[in-house]
Amino acid sequence: MAEPLGKEKRSHYCGDVRSEHIGEKVVIMGWVQSRRDHGGLIFIDLRDREGIVQISFNPDVNATAHSKAHHLRNEYVIAVRGAVSARPEGTVNPNLKTGEIEVLAEELTILNESKTPPFEVSSRHGISEDLKLKHRYLDLRRPALQENLILRHRIVHTTRNYFCEKGFIEVETPFLTKSTPEGARDYLVPSRVNPGRFYALPQSPQLFKQLLMVSGYDRYYQVVKCFRDEDLRADRQPEFTQIDLELSFIHEDEIYEIIEGLLVTIFQEIKGVSLPRPFPRMPYQEALARYGLDKPDTRFGMELKELTAHVGACSFKVFSQAAAAGGVILGLNATGCSEYSRKELDDLTSLANVYGAKGLAWIKVVSDGIQSPIAKFFTEEEVRNLTTLLDAKPGDLLLMVADAKPKVAYTALGQLRLHLGGKLELIDRTRWCPLWVTEFPLLEYNEEEKRYQALHHPFTSPAEEDLLFLKDDPSRVKARAYDLVLNGNEIGGGSIRIHRQEIQQAMFKALNIGEEEAISKFGFLLDALEFGAPPHGGIALGLDRLVMLICGIESIRDAIAFPKTQKATCLMSDAPSQVSEKQLKELYLRTVVPKASPTIKKSRDRSQNSDTTEKPE
């Protein structure tokens, strides 16, 4: 039974008591992490968000408090009044901030008892993710998670101070807005007072922040929650937070300067790390050619090389057919890996298959030539070309992918490069390598839908010199778009926007969005562009992913207080859940749900977990 605390107030956090407080009386409160009974003495490790302090219960100091301490168990909530004392010689704990002192308990109040937790809060390993997410309020007591969320708070605080000093205005945009499905699915919210009509939760404040520029606010920012009802992957959450900004009368270089300043400030204040400025910039096509991906990790080499012109005419049909179809042949040098076993090579092939490659060709470079199942298909000159282009030496392993679709080959070999970089320990984990990726294509062709779609979003401005191609050859048009990449992770994306109505309408036509559909979905934006819209642009940074990287954690889930699983469920609150018939009737809704098979039901009861976050903008 919980006992009343009385009127005594906490004087210190557990983790804040230090050697300078020796001799002082303190009142501390927190959760029991452990109890150690040494016969006459009982020791308690007491924990709160700031750390752990040792409490000593001695019957000679206070017999009543000592007697109560016998009943303490892990996660009991207690208050202790006592004197700070130096730990006896030989018992100092250098791993604790409070390791030089202990508190000699004079009074103990049990504020609340606790059932035996389903897992030890102090334990780091051997606990199922489902169990931790089911009891997230206990998982969040772990010091490591608390440190992550406190660091997240500090990043947000630093961000707000930085933008305030730069003349930005924080404006909140609506959560209940209009559905404009272009890309990911919207989360829909039925309107009770407007039967049959729906709001959508925002995938981004995109249109509203552009309207704020039309309204003359000049510099806007917001730390904002966004929502996307999409098939989740390992780096996605259905709800996520982004640092969102928009500026008027702006050029790309000015946006780069502002964001670089923000990142430099955050890293200096939070990590004590000085990021060099300006950040490097790399065109999209160069990123693909060198690294295979548009978010390259530049902390290590092992760059890709295009081999099409040199072996595209060889007798190996996989290569020659890909070249004849307008595709590419790409290769990389896995230095020193010629001793890889057949199983290791098969594993690399399986990884390439995951990313769409139909196979993976390999050549081992040995002292007297090459070894490979495909060696017979190459002439001596072609072998010389391969080894020269890939800077191959005896002991190296050459890996090659060919495909009629260049993007497939780039992605597969780019992912192989990342895998090998980690496996071979080529990545310097102490380095921070920010990079701007620029000059993206404005549009990409969707083979399934037989139409172009926006690579970023339909409000991105085409490059001025490419405007003439928008109607007749959209594939040639470059976008005034840019992504910010950090250590191979995209942490931000943005663009200069279209601010003239005729260009916005031309963009909709290129996307096969008819006039009626454009007015239905975006009429309010098109109207606003007729009333003196200034040139403007912006960017959104993914806060969750940025926190994950700065914390040095593998899971985006550990950067978020209450994340969802890969099935977009909350195991703790059991959301999403059914609602009553009365609620449905009030909303004029009926649900038609297929009968759940045992497999589906099981997956709902025990949803898989994933590390997920957003692609900004």
Foldseek 3Di string as FASTA:
>chain_A
DFDDPPDDDFDDEQQPDAPVQAFPKGKYKAWFQDWDPPDQKIWTWGDDLNFTAIEIEGCVQPVVQVVVSVPADGGFIKMFIFGKHADPPPQFDPVGSHRGIHGYGNDMGGRGHDDDQPDRCADDDDDDPLSCLQPVVSVCRRNLLSVLQVLLVVLVVLLVVLVVVVLADEDDDDQFADDDDAPFHWDWAFDLVDFPDITTGAQACVLVQLVVLLVPRFKYWYFDKHAGPHQFDQAAFRIFTWTWMKGFPDAPVVQQVSVVVSVQSSCCVSVVDGDDPDAAEAEQVRCLQFQLDSQDQPQFHQTKHWCCVLCCPWPPCLSVVLSVLVWTKMKTKLALALPDDPVNLVVLQVLLVVLPFPGKFKWAQAPVGIDGPCVVRDDPRSSVVVCVRRVDDHRMMMIMTGHNHHSSRSNSVSVSVVVSCVVVVRGDLVDKRKYKYFFAQQWDADPVVRAIGGPVHLFFAWDPVCLVCLQPPSRPITTQKMFIHISSRTFKIKHWGDLALVSSVSSCVRRVNDPVNCCVNPVVSSVSSVSDRGGMMIMMGGSLVVSCSVSVHDASVSSDSNGAFSVNARSNVLPPDDDDPVVCVSNVHDDDDPDDDPVRVVCSNRPHGHRYHDHID
